[in-house]
C-alpha atoms as a PDB file:
ATOM      1  CA  UNK A   1     125.765  81.295 120.945  1.00  0.00           C
ATOM      2  CA  UNK A   2     123.943  84.161 122.702  1.00  0.00           C
ATOM      3  CA  UNK A   3     127.139  86.225 122.747  1.00  0.00           C
ATOM      4  CA  UNK A   4     127.552  85.787 118.987  1.00  0.00           C
ATOM      5  CA  UNK A   5     123.941  86.891 118.451  1.00  0.00           C
ATOM      6  CA  UNK A   6     124.503  90.077 120.495  1.00  0.00           C
ATOM      7  CA  UNK A   7     127.642  90.902 118.513  1.00  0.00           C
ATOM      8  CA  UNK A   8     125.747  90.440 115.231  1.00  0.00           C
ATOM      9  CA  UNK A   9     122.941  92.682 116.485  1.00  0.00           C
ATOM     10  CA  UNK A  10     125.424  95.410 117.459  1.00  0.00           C
ATOM     11  CA  UNK A  11     127.216  95.265 114.114  1.00  0.00           C
ATOM     12  CA  UNK A  12     123.924  95.306 112.204  1.00  0.00           C
ATOM     13  CA  UNK A  13     122.734  98.278 114.249  1.00  0.00           C
ATOM     14  CA  UNK A  14     125.940 100.292 113.948  1.00  0.00           C
ATOM     15  CA  UNK A  15     125.322 101.528 110.409  1.00  0.00           C
ATOM     16  CA  UNK A  16     122.424 103.725 111.586  1.00  0.00           C
ATOM     17  CA  UNK A  17     124.888 105.881 113.529  1.00  0.00           C
ATOM     18  CA  UNK A  18     125.492 109.226 111.903  1.00  0.00           C
ATOM     19  CA  UNK A  19     122.329 109.290 109.800  1.00  0.00           C
ATOM     20  CA  UNK A  20     119.908 112.182 110.233  1.00  0.00           C
ATOM     21  CA  UNK A  21     116.402 112.709 108.876  1.00  0.00           C
ATOM     22  CA  UNK A  22     116.890 114.772 105.687  1.00  0.00           C
ATOM     23  CA  UNK A  23     113.996 117.103 106.587  1.00  0.00           C
ATOM     24  CA  UNK A  24     113.922 117.382 110.386  1.00  0.00           C
ATOM     25  CA  UNK A  25     117.640 116.936 110.995  1.00  0.00           C
ATOM     26  CA  UNK A  26     116.923 114.556 113.902  1.00  0.00           C
ATOM     27  CA  UNK A  27     119.595 111.960 114.577  1.00  0.00           C
ATOM     28  CA  UNK A  28     118.141 108.605 113.536  1.00  0.00           C
ATOM     29  CA  UNK A  29     119.543 106.403 116.254  1.00  0.00           C
ATOM     30  CA  UNK A  30     120.678 107.044 119.783  1.00  0.00           C
ATOM     31  CA  UNK A  31     121.959 104.959 122.680  1.00  0.00           C
ATOM     32  CA  UNK A  32     118.499 103.440 123.197  1.00  0.00           C
ATOM     33  CA  UNK A  33     118.897 101.372 120.018  1.00  0.00           C
ATOM     34  CA  UNK A  34     115.518 102.532 118.772  1.00  0.00           C
ATOM     35  CA  UNK A  35     116.030 101.472 115.135  1.00  0.00           C
ATOM     36  CA  UNK A  36     115.217  98.144 113.576  1.00  0.00           C
ATOM     37  CA  UNK A  37     114.079  96.219 110.538  1.00  0.00           C
ATOM     38  CA  UNK A  38     110.411  96.504 109.621  1.00  0.00           C
ATOM     39  CA  UNK A  39     108.810  93.723 107.569  1.00  0.00           C
ATOM     40  CA  UNK A  40     107.757  94.664 104.027  1.00  0.00           C
ATOM     41  CA  UNK A  41     104.149  93.690 104.838  1.00  0.00           C
ATOM     42  CA  UNK A  42     103.968  96.815 107.051  1.00  0.00           C
ATOM     43  CA  UNK A  43     105.259  99.106 104.290  1.00  0.00           C
ATOM     44  CA  UNK A  44     103.210 100.333 101.342  1.00  0.00           C
ATOM     45  CA  UNK A  45     105.185 102.083  98.570  1.00  0.00           C
ATOM     46  CA  UNK A  46     103.169 104.916  97.032  1.00  0.00           C
ATOM     47  CA  UNK A  47     103.291 106.520  93.593  1.00  0.00           C
ATOM     48  CA  UNK A  48     105.722 109.418  93.700  1.00  0.00           C
ATOM     49  CA  UNK A  49     108.217 107.811  96.085  1.00  0.00           C
ATOM     50  CA  UNK A  50     106.483 108.129  99.464  1.00  0.00           C
ATOM     51  CA  UNK A  51     105.427 105.307 101.786  1.00  0.00           C
ATOM     52  CA  UNK A  52     102.629 104.417 104.183  1.00  0.00           C
ATOM     53  CA  UNK A  53     104.093 102.616 107.193  1.00  0.00           C
ATOM     54  CA  UNK A  54     102.144 100.702 109.850  1.00  0.00           C
ATOM     55  CA  UNK A  55     103.802 100.384 113.255  1.00  0.00           C
ATOM     56  CA  UNK A  56     100.826  98.988 115.153  1.00  0.00           C
ATOM     57  CA  UNK A  57      97.284  97.838 114.595  1.00  0.00           C
ATOM     58  CA  UNK A  58      95.987 101.412 114.292  1.00  0.00           C
ATOM     59  CA  UNK A  59      99.150 103.444 113.731  1.00  0.00           C
ATOM     60  CA  UNK A  60      99.811 104.423 110.128  1.00  0.00           C
ATOM     61  CA  UNK A  61     102.335 107.032 109.064  1.00  0.00           C
ATOM     62  CA  UNK A  62     102.918 108.716 105.727  1.00  0.00           C
ATOM     63  CA  UNK A  63     106.604 109.157 104.872  1.00  0.00           C
ATOM     64  CA  UNK A  64     107.119 111.642 102.016  1.00  0.00           C
ATOM     65  CA  UNK A  65     109.883 110.837  99.534  1.00  0.00           C
ATOM     66  CA  UNK A  66     112.082 113.669 100.813  1.00  0.00           C
ATOM     67  CA  UNK A  67     112.351 111.864 104.198  1.00  0.00           C
ATOM     68  CA  UNK A  68     113.286 108.440 102.780  1.00  0.00           C
ATOM     69  CA  UNK A  69     116.889 107.354 103.365  1.00  0.00           C
ATOM     70  CA  UNK A  70     118.422 104.541 101.330  1.00  0.00           C
ATOM     71  CA  UNK A  71     119.114 101.485 103.497  1.00  0.00           C
ATOM     72  CA  UNK A  72     122.521  99.853 103.436  1.00  0.00           C
ATOM     73  CA  UNK A  73     121.173  96.307 103.321  1.00  0.00           C
ATOM     74  CA  UNK A  74     118.175  96.415 100.946  1.00  0.00           C
ATOM     75  CA  UNK A  75     115.624  96.087 103.773  1.00  0.00           C
ATOM     76  CA  UNK A  76     113.159  98.499 105.350  1.00  0.00           C
ATOM     77  CA  UNK A  77     114.211 100.020 108.676  1.00  0.00           C
ATOM     78  CA  UNK A  78     112.472 102.395 111.031  1.00  0.00           C
ATOM     79  CA  UNK A  79     113.766 104.543 113.893  1.00  0.00           C
ATOM     80  CA  UNK A  80     111.128 105.458 116.453  1.00  0.00           C
ATOM     81  CA  UNK A  81     111.250 108.184 119.060  1.00  0.00           C
ATOM     82  CA  UNK A  82     110.286 107.268 122.619  1.00  0.00           C
ATOM     83  CA  UNK A  83     107.621 106.757 123.675  1.00  0.00           C
ATOM     84  CA  UNK A  84     107.419 105.414 120.128  1.00  0.00           C
ATOM     85  CA  UNK A  85     104.917 108.019 119.091  1.00  0.00           C
ATOM     86  CA  UNK A  86     106.580 109.179 115.879  1.00  0.00           C
ATOM     87  CA  UNK A  87     109.059 108.069 113.250  1.00  0.00           C
ATOM     88  CA  UNK A  88     112.478 109.712 113.453  1.00  0.00           C
ATOM     89  CA  UNK A  89     113.923 108.074 110.339  1.00  0.00           C
ATOM     90  CA  UNK A  90     112.778 105.673 107.673  1.00  0.00           C
ATOM     91  CA  UNK A  91     115.146 103.630 105.500  1.00  0.00           C
ATOM     92  CA  UNK A  92     114.049 101.863 102.325  1.00  0.00           C
ATOM     93  CA  UNK A  93     115.761  99.690  99.739  1.00  0.00           C
ATOM     94  CA  UNK A  94     117.048 101.587  96.726  1.00  0.00           C
ATOM     95  CA  UNK A  95     114.014 103.359  95.271  1.00  0.00           C
ATOM     96  CA  UNK A  96     113.332 106.271  93.010  1.00  0.00           C
ATOM     97  CA  UNK A  97     112.989 108.494  96.083  1.00  0.00           C
ATOM     98  CA  UNK A  98     116.271 107.467  97.681  1.00  0.00           C
ATOM     99  CA  UNK A  99     118.194 107.600  94.368  1.00  0.00           C
ATOM    100  CA  UNK A 100     116.882 111.126  93.904  1.00  0.00           C
ATOM    101  CA  UNK A 101     117.906 112.082  97.452  1.00  0.00           C
ATOM    102  CA  UNK A 102     121.390 110.578  96.989  1.00  0.00           C
ATOM    103  CA  UNK A 103     121.870 112.497  93.757  1.00  0.00           C
ATOM    104  CA  UNK A 104     120.868 115.756  95.446  1.00  0.00           C
ATOM    105  CA  UNK A 105     123.286 115.129  98.335  1.00  0.00           C
ATOM    106  CA  UNK A 106     126.216 115.047  95.913  1.00  0.00           C
ATOM    107  CA  UNK A 107     125.482 118.618  94.830  1.00  0.00           C
ATOM    108  CA  UNK A 108     125.200 120.115  98.328  1.00  0.00           C
END
């Protein structure tokens, strides 16, 4: 059973590979497996397509819409940079911001 769980975790994590923050260019995920699902209760969608994201009791980050990447599974995901002091990538379910970003990518 534990082996099956590890395989599922690896497959679920593999889709982050190859994504980069649209603004900073940072690779979202590395060998440390620093990406994961974040519960919707920690994510506050804002007017205009940005998000406020809480990663701890006092840590709150603003993610502008031009840094939002559309998730492949309709959940929120976050990639943190060690020592987990800043967000490398943020994935959100299909939103106005990510639809806009996807449309722009087709013209580049």
